[in-house]
Protein backbone atom coordinates (compact mmCIF):
# COMPACT_ATOMS: atom_id res chain seq x y z
CA MET A 1 54.72 -11.36 -14.90
CA ASP A 2 53.83 -13.30 -17.98
CA LEU A 3 57.12 -13.98 -19.78
CA GLU A 4 55.81 -16.68 -22.11
CA LYS A 5 55.26 -15.72 -25.69
CA PRO A 6 52.25 -17.24 -27.50
CA SER A 7 53.19 -19.50 -30.37
CA ALA A 8 52.84 -18.03 -33.81
CA THR A 9 51.49 -21.31 -35.18
CA ASP A 10 48.60 -21.48 -32.72
CA PRO A 11 45.45 -20.60 -34.70
CA GLN A 12 43.47 -19.71 -31.52
CA GLN A 13 45.89 -16.99 -30.48
CA PRO A 14 45.44 -13.55 -32.07
CA PRO A 15 48.29 -12.26 -34.18
CA ALA A 16 50.95 -10.40 -32.28
CA ARG A 17 50.75 -6.63 -32.26
CA ARG A 18 53.39 -5.07 -34.44
CA GLU A 19 55.87 -2.96 -32.59
CA GLN A 20 55.63 0.65 -33.53
CA PRO A 21 58.94 2.03 -34.75
CA SER A 22 60.37 4.24 -32.03
CA ALA A 23 61.71 7.68 -32.61
CA PRO A 24 65.43 8.11 -32.89
CA GLU A 25 66.94 8.29 -29.41
CA GLY A 26 70.19 9.68 -28.19
CA CYS A 27 72.96 8.03 -26.17
CA LEU A 28 71.94 9.86 -23.00
CA VAL A 29 68.41 8.49 -23.16
CA VAL A 30 69.69 4.99 -23.73
CA ALA A 31 72.17 5.35 -20.89
CA ILE A 32 69.48 6.56 -18.41
CA ARG A 33 66.81 4.04 -19.44
CA LEU A 34 68.51 0.92 -18.09
CA PRO A 35 69.12 2.21 -14.53
CA VAL A 36 65.60 3.61 -14.40
CA ARG A 37 64.14 0.32 -15.52
CA ILE A 38 66.21 -1.57 -12.97
CA VAL A 39 65.09 0.75 -10.17
CA ALA A 40 61.45 0.54 -11.33
CA LEU A 41 61.70 -3.21 -11.42
CA VAL A 42 63.21 -3.29 -7.94
CA LEU A 43 60.53 -0.96 -6.59
CA VAL A 44 57.42 -2.21 -8.40
CA VAL A 45 57.94 -5.92 -8.05
CA PRO A 46 57.74 -5.91 -4.22
CA VAL A 47 54.65 -3.71 -4.38
CA ARG A 48 53.01 -6.01 -6.89
CA MET A 49 53.95 -9.00 -4.82
CA VAL A 50 52.48 -7.41 -1.71
CA TRP A 51 49.33 -6.54 -3.66
CA ASP A 52 49.01 -10.06 -4.98
CA ALA A 53 49.64 -11.42 -1.50
CA LEU A 54 46.92 -9.16 -0.14
CA VAL A 55 44.52 -10.25 -2.89
CA VAL A 56 45.26 -13.90 -2.29
CA SER A 57 44.99 -13.41 1.44
CA GLY A 58 41.68 -11.63 1.01
CA ARG A 59 40.34 -14.35 -1.25
CA PHE A 60 41.66 -17.03 1.10
CA LEU A 61 40.13 -15.21 4.06
CA ASN A 62 36.85 -14.87 2.22
CA ASP A 63 36.83 -18.49 1.10
CA THR A 64 38.08 -20.03 4.34
CA MET A 65 36.67 -17.77 7.05
CA LEU A 66 34.11 -15.17 6.04
CA ARG A 67 32.00 -17.27 3.68
CA PRO A 68 32.03 -20.37 5.95
CA LEU A 69 31.34 -18.11 8.93
CA GLY A 70 28.38 -16.57 7.11
CA ARG A 71 27.13 -20.00 6.10
CA ALA A 72 27.61 -21.23 9.66
CA LEU A 73 25.71 -18.24 11.03
CA LEU A 74 22.99 -18.83 8.45
CA TRP A 75 22.84 -22.50 9.32
CA LEU A 76 22.86 -21.65 13.02
CA GLY A 77 20.00 -19.18 12.51
CA ARG A 78 18.05 -21.79 10.61
CA ALA A 79 18.87 -24.43 13.23
CA LEU A 80 17.86 -22.16 16.12
CA PHE A 81 14.86 -20.36 14.69
CA VAL A 82 13.55 -21.89 11.46
CA TRP A 83 13.96 -25.65 11.79
CA PRO A 84 12.55 -25.93 15.37
CA PHE A 85 9.39 -24.09 14.37
CA VAL A 86 9.13 -26.07 11.13
CA GLY A 87 9.64 -29.34 13.00
CA LEU A 88 7.23 -28.26 15.73
CA TRP A 89 4.62 -27.37 13.13
CA ARG A 90 5.22 -30.41 10.94
CA TYR A 91 5.75 -33.10 13.56
CA VAL A 92 3.80 -31.81 16.59
CA VAL A 93 1.12 -29.28 15.74
CA VAL A 94 -0.13 -30.88 12.52
CA PRO A 95 -0.22 -34.48 13.90
CA VAL A 96 -1.81 -33.34 17.17
CA ALA A 97 -4.38 -31.28 15.26
CA MET A 98 -5.10 -34.20 12.93
CA GLY A 99 -5.34 -36.56 15.92
CA LEU A 100 -7.68 -34.18 17.75
CA ALA A 101 -9.77 -33.80 14.60
CA TRP A 102 -9.94 -37.58 14.17
CA LEU A 103 -10.69 -38.06 17.87
CA GLY A 104 -13.39 -35.38 17.78
CA ASN A 105 -14.86 -36.97 14.67
CA VAL A 106 -14.83 -40.43 16.25
CA LEU A 107 -15.98 -39.41 19.72
CA VAL A 108 -18.38 -36.59 18.94
CA VAL A 109 -19.43 -36.34 15.31
CA VAL A 110 -19.92 -40.03 14.51
CA PRO A 111 -21.89 -40.78 17.75
CA LEU A 112 -24.04 -37.69 17.25
CA VAL A 113 -24.72 -38.61 13.63
CA TRP A 114 -25.52 -42.22 14.63
CA LEU A 115 -27.74 -41.01 17.50
CA TYR A 116 -29.57 -38.58 15.22
CA ARG A 117 -29.92 -41.08 12.39
CA TYR A 118 -30.79 -44.28 14.28
CA VAL A 119 -32.35 -43.01 17.55
CA LEU A 120 -33.72 -39.48 17.36
CA THR A 121 -35.08 -39.75 13.83
CA PRO A 122 -37.03 -43.00 14.47
CA VAL A 123 -38.23 -41.73 17.86
CA GLY A 124 -39.31 -38.44 16.27
CA HIS A 125 -41.10 -40.30 13.48
CA ALA A 126 -42.79 -42.55 16.07
CA CYS A 127 -43.84 -39.56 18.19
CA ALA A 128 -45.16 -37.79 15.11
CA TRP A 129 -47.08 -40.93 14.04
CA LEU A 130 -48.43 -41.34 17.59
CA ALA A 131 -49.46 -37.68 17.76
CA ARG A 132 -51.15 -37.99 14.39
CA GLY A 133 -52.93 -41.16 15.64
CA ILE A 134 -54.04 -39.48 18.87
CA GLY A 135 -55.28 -36.46 16.95
CA ALA A 136 -57.16 -38.66 14.52
CA GLY A 137 -58.68 -40.64 17.43
CA LEU A 138 -59.75 -37.47 19.25
CA GLY A 139 -61.23 -36.08 16.06
CA TRP A 140 -63.11 -39.30 15.44
CA LEU A 141 -64.31 -39.33 19.11
CA TYR A 142 -65.51 -35.74 18.84
CA ALA A 143 -67.14 -36.21 15.46
CA ARG A 144 -68.61 -39.68 16.06
CA VAL A 145 -69.40 -39.72 19.84
CA LEU A 146 -69.39 -36.35 21.62
CA ALA A 147 -71.13 -34.33 18.93
CA PRO A 148 -74.03 -36.80 18.53
CA ILE A 149 -74.42 -37.08 22.33
CA GLY A 150 -74.48 -33.29 22.66
CA HIS A 151 -77.02 -32.93 19.88
CA ALA A 152 -79.24 -35.63 21.50
CA ALA A 153 -79.02 -33.95 24.94
CA MET A 154 -79.98 -30.59 23.48
CA TRP A 155 -82.87 -32.16 21.63
CA VAL A 156 -84.11 -33.81 24.91
CA LEU A 157 -83.79 -30.57 26.86
CA ARG A 158 -85.65 -28.60 24.21
CA GLY A 159 -88.39 -31.23 24.31
CA LEU A 160 -88.67 -31.06 28.11
CA GLY A 161 -88.80 -27.28 28.01
CA ALA A 162 -91.60 -27.37 25.48
CA VAL A 163 -93.57 -29.87 27.59
CA LEU A 164 -93.10 -27.82 30.76
CA ALA A 165 -94.10 -24.64 28.91
CA ALA A 166 -97.23 -26.38 27.57
CA PHE A 167 -98.41 -27.96 30.86
CA GLY A 168 -97.03 -25.59 33.63
CA LEU A 169 -97.79 -22.00 32.38
CA GLY A 170 -100.29 -21.20 35.21
CA ALA A 171 -98.11 -22.53 37.97
CA PHE A 172 -95.23 -20.48 36.58
CA ALA A 173 -97.36 -17.30 36.72
CA VAL A 174 -98.35 -17.99 40.36
CA VAL A 175 -94.75 -18.63 41.32
CA ALA A 176 -93.68 -15.40 39.59
CA TRP A 177 -96.36 -13.31 41.43
CA LEU A 178 -95.34 -14.81 44.80
CA VAL A 179 -91.67 -14.10 44.13
CA ARG A 180 -92.46 -10.51 43.15
CA TYR A 181 -94.58 -9.61 46.19
CA LEU A 182 -92.74 -11.68 48.73
CA LEU A 183 -89.13 -10.90 47.67
CA VAL A 184 -88.76 -8.12 45.13
CA VAL A 185 -91.14 -5.50 46.59
CA PRO A 186 -89.84 -5.84 50.20
CA ALA A 187 -86.24 -5.72 48.93
CA VAL A 188 -86.92 -2.52 46.95
CA TRP A 189 -88.65 -0.91 49.98
CA VAL A 190 -85.74 -1.81 52.29
CA TYR A 191 -83.26 -0.37 49.74
CA GLU A 192 -85.18 2.91 49.24
CA TRP A 193 -86.25 3.65 52.85
CA VAL A 194 -83.54 2.02 54.96
CA LEU A 195 -80.31 1.41 53.14
CA THR A 196 -80.26 4.62 51.11
CA PRO A 197 -80.78 7.03 54.09
CA LEU A 198 -78.38 5.01 56.19
CA GLY A 199 -75.75 5.16 53.44
CA ARG A 200 -76.24 8.90 53.01
CA ALA A 201 -75.88 9.44 56.78
CA ILE A 202 -72.73 7.37 56.86
CA ALA A 203 -71.32 9.29 53.87
CA TRP A 204 -72.16 12.66 55.51
CA CYS A 205 -70.49 11.55 58.74
CA ALA A 206 -67.46 10.38 56.78
CA ARG A 207 -67.25 13.71 54.92
CA GLY A 208 -67.54 15.63 58.19
CA LEU A 209 -64.89 13.51 59.80
CA LEU A 210 -62.63 13.95 56.77
CA TRP A 211 -63.18 17.73 56.85
CA ALA A 212 -62.39 17.84 60.56
CA VAL A 213 -59.25 15.77 60.11
CA SER A 214 -58.13 17.88 57.13
CA THR A 215 -58.83 21.10 59.09
CA VAL A 216 -56.81 19.87 62.05
CA LEU A 217 -53.96 18.75 59.80
CA THR A 218 -54.07 22.06 57.92
CA GLY A 219 -53.91 23.99 61.18
CA ILE A 220 -51.03 21.85 62.40
CA GLY A 221 -49.23 22.30 59.05
CA THR A 222 -49.79 26.07 59.14
CA ALA A 223 -48.53 26.23 62.70
CA LEU A 224 -45.50 24.18 61.82
CA HIS A 225 -44.92 26.36 58.72
CA TRP A 226 -44.96 29.54 60.75
CA ILE A 227 -42.90 28.00 63.51
CA GLY A 228 -40.28 26.87 60.93
CA ARG A 229 -40.42 30.23 59.19
CA VAL A 230 -40.00 32.15 62.43
CA LEU A 231 -37.38 29.82 63.91
CA PHE A 232 -35.31 28.98 60.79
CA VAL A 233 -36.17 30.92 57.63
CA LEU A 234 -36.37 34.47 59.01
CA PRO A 235 -33.13 34.09 61.06
CA ALA A 236 -31.41 32.52 58.08
CA LEU A 237 -32.61 35.38 55.84
CA GLY A 238 -31.48 37.89 58.45
CA VAL A 239 -28.07 36.25 58.81
CA TYR A 240 -27.67 36.06 55.01
CA GLY A 241 -28.92 39.63 54.40
CA TRP A 242 -27.22 41.36 57.29
CA VAL A 243 -24.10 39.23 57.89
CA LEU A 244 -23.13 36.88 55.07
CA ALA A 245 -23.86 39.18 52.15
CA PRO A 246 -21.84 42.13 53.52
CA VAL A 247 -19.05 39.83 54.63
CA GLY A 248 -19.09 38.18 51.18
CA ARG A 249 -18.98 41.55 49.45
CA VAL A 250 -16.06 42.61 51.64
CA LEU A 251 -14.26 39.33 51.00
CA ALA A 252 -14.96 39.63 47.25
CA VAL A 253 -13.49 43.14 47.23
CA ILE A 254 -10.48 41.93 49.19
CA GLY A 255 -10.00 38.91 46.87
CA ARG A 256 -10.34 41.07 43.76
CA GLU A 257 -7.79 43.53 45.08
CA ILE A 258 -5.43 40.68 46.00
CA TRP A 259 -5.83 39.15 42.51
CA GLU A 260 -5.22 42.49 40.81
CA ALA A 261 -2.20 43.12 43.03
CA LEU A 262 -0.84 39.70 42.17
CA GLY A 263 -1.38 40.34 38.45
CA HIS A 264 0.33 43.73 38.62
CA ALA A 265 3.22 42.27 40.63
CA TRP A 266 3.50 39.44 38.08
CA ARG A 267 3.73 41.94 35.23
CA VAL A 268 6.28 44.13 37.05
CA ALA A 269 8.32 41.06 37.94
CA GLY A 270 8.24 40.09 34.28
CA ARG A 271 9.59 43.49 33.27
CA ILE A 272 12.28 43.31 35.96
CA SER A 273 13.20 39.79 34.89
CA LEU A 274 13.35 40.94 31.28
CA ALA A 275 15.61 43.84 32.23
CA VAL A 276 17.87 41.60 34.32
CA GLY A 277 18.01 39.05 31.52
CA ARG A 278 18.89 41.73 29.01
CA PHE A 279 21.53 43.07 31.39
CA LEU A 280 23.05 39.63 31.88
CA ALA A 281 22.88 38.96 28.14
CA SER A 282 24.59 42.29 27.43
CA LEU A 283 27.15 41.57 30.13
CA PHE A 284 27.87 38.13 28.69
CA ARG A 285 28.00 39.59 25.21
CA TRP A 286 30.44 42.38 26.09
CA THR A 287 32.57 40.27 28.42
CA PHE A 288 32.79 37.06 26.39
CA VAL A 289 31.15 37.12 22.95
CA GLU A 290 32.52 40.39 21.67
CA PRO A 291 36.11 39.69 22.84
CA VAL A 292 35.93 36.23 21.28
CA ARG A 293 34.48 37.74 18.08
CA TRP A 294 37.15 40.46 18.09
CA VAL A 295 39.89 37.88 18.64
CA TYR A 296 38.45 35.68 15.89
CA ARG A 297 38.00 38.60 13.49
CA THR A 298 41.20 40.49 14.14
CA VAL A 299 43.61 37.70 15.14
CA LEU A 300 42.47 34.21 14.15
CA THR A 301 41.05 35.12 10.74
CA PRO A 302 44.23 36.92 9.48
CA VAL A 303 46.35 34.16 11.01
CA GLY A 304 44.16 31.56 9.32
CA HIS A 305 44.39 33.40 6.01
CA VAL A 306 48.16 33.65 6.40
CA VAL A 307 48.39 29.96 7.29
CA ARG A 308 46.10 29.11 4.38
CA ASP A 309 48.01 31.23 1.91
CA ALA A 310 51.51 30.55 3.24
CA VAL A 311 51.26 26.92 4.39
CA LEU A 312 48.16 25.03 3.35
CA ARG A 313 47.91 26.12 -0.28
CA PRO A 314 51.65 25.63 -0.95
CA ALA A 315 51.45 22.29 0.86
CA ALA A 316 48.44 21.33 -1.24
CA GLU A 317 50.17 22.46 -4.41
CA ALA A 318 53.29 20.58 -3.36
CA ALA A 319 51.18 17.51 -2.57
CA ARG A 320 49.46 17.78 -5.94
CA SER A 321 52.86 18.28 -7.64
CA VAL A 322 54.24 15.27 -5.78
CA GLY A 323 51.16 13.32 -6.78
CA ARG A 324 51.53 14.32 -10.41
CA ALA A 325 55.25 13.55 -10.29
CA THR A 326 54.49 10.24 -8.62
CA ARG A 327 51.87 9.40 -11.22
CA HIS A 328 54.29 10.38 -14.01
CA ALA A 329 57.04 8.38 -12.36
CA LEU A 330 54.75 5.37 -11.96
CA ALA A 331 53.63 5.75 -15.58
CA GLY A 332 57.27 5.95 -16.68
CA ALA A 333 58.10 3.00 -14.45
CA ARG A 334 55.22 0.99 -15.91
CA GLU A 335 56.36 1.90 -19.42
CA SER A 336 59.95 1.01 -18.47
CA VAL A 337 58.82 -2.31 -17.01
CA ARG A 338 56.78 -2.97 -20.15
CA GLN A 339 59.81 -2.16 -22.31
CA ALA A 340 62.01 -4.33 -20.09
CA ARG A 341 59.60 -7.24 -20.43
CA ALA A 342 59.55 -6.75 -24.18
CA ASP A 343 63.38 -6.64 -24.27
CA VAL A 344 63.63 -9.78 -22.12
CA ARG A 345 61.08 -11.51 -24.36
CA ARG A 346 63.06 -10.51 -27.46
CA MET A 347 66.32 -11.67 -25.85
CA LEU A 348 64.81 -15.02 -24.89
CA PHE A 349 62.55 -15.77 -27.86
CA GLY A 350 63.86 -13.50 -30.59
CA GLU A 351 62.06 -10.96 -32.70
CA PRO A 352 58.41 -11.72 -33.43
CA LYS A 353 57.63 -12.97 -36.90
CA GLN A 354 56.58 -10.17 -39.19
CA ARG A 355 53.29 -10.49 -41.01
CA GLU A 356 53.60 -10.96 -44.73
CA THR A 357 52.40 -8.01 -46.70
CA VAL A 358 49.52 -8.56 -49.12
CA ASP A 359 49.18 -6.72 -52.38
CA ARG A 360 46.41 -4.19 -52.28
CA ARG A 361 43.58 -4.73 -54.68
CA GLU A 362 42.72 -1.05 -54.87
CA PRO A 363 44.83 1.20 -57.08
CA LEU A 364 47.48 3.17 -55.21
CA GLY A 365 47.02 6.44 -57.07
CA ARG A 366 44.05 8.36 -58.27
CA GLU A 367 43.64 6.65 -61.60
CA THR A 368 40.75 7.40 -63.86
CA ARG A 369 38.29 4.52 -64.10
CA THR A 370 36.92 3.55 -67.46
CA LEU A 371 34.19 1.20 -68.65
CA GLY A 372 36.74 -1.45 -69.51
CA SER A 373 38.53 -1.52 -66.14
CA SER A 374 37.36 -2.60 -62.69
CA THR A 375 38.79 -2.77 -59.18
CA THR A 376 36.50 -5.41 -57.70
CA ALA A 377 37.84 -8.89 -56.81
CA LEU A 378 35.56 -10.67 -59.29
CA THR A 379 35.98 -8.50 -62.41
CA LYS A 380 39.56 -7.30 -62.00
CA ASP A 381 41.86 -8.33 -64.83
């Protein structure tokens, strides 16, 4: 408790609040007040001390344990998760990447650039210059050597042909007649009278042989077809038509009847199961649910209402009354403690200095104002 009174001469302190004049009190009130204040003081001071101790303990615990523990956990999390990855990235990954980039630049990029600039480019320029030189040389050789030689050879051959045509026309005619009657005419006769009939005979023989072979193969195929039909197809058709189809029809009828019987049995079993389920549900309802409901409705609910009306509500009202009385008692105790502190302060330091009254500048009564009178601070007489 703050028992020190602020000095009246201190300009920073606000002026003390004037004590309101209390109502006239009797001797009984004055006689009860002192014991009540003593009891309130005895009861409230330990509680306040315990509260202050708890507050101080909580602040001490927060400052000395919880906050350092949180900072330690934060630092530990950073030390275990953040700083290793940051250090790994900053001092391992980045330097290694920069070293690999520098090494790749020195070992790969720079040699390739030097090789392209000082080896491949000059070699390519030399090859291009050499190819251009070879092409120019071949063009010059064709234009200056081969073309003139070819033109000269053609001119010589045309000249020789003209000379031979001028001097050897009769010999050429004799040679042509001999070739015609010694080679062409016999060759045509041999083609028309020997080779053509012989070819036609060979073609006719080939067609006859092909027809005979195709006839034999057709007969063999027909025989095999009928043999296969008689030995395999007709028995298979007979077995299918006279055995498998009736047996299949019978089996289909049997399967359909079995399926329908199963479906009907499934539906009947569903109805029976539904009836049994309803019976069991009704049995459970009438043997357990309804008795429990009856007990709850006819026994527990009235008992609960009685307990609520006779015990709980009075207990709640009593608790609220006790709470209100406690609050009133605590309020009275606080007021008593406040009055006790004020009494102790007055006993130790005396009555507080009263503020000097200042004359009011406004008129006290309802006086009539005229043109010659004023109530302001500047024009008041």
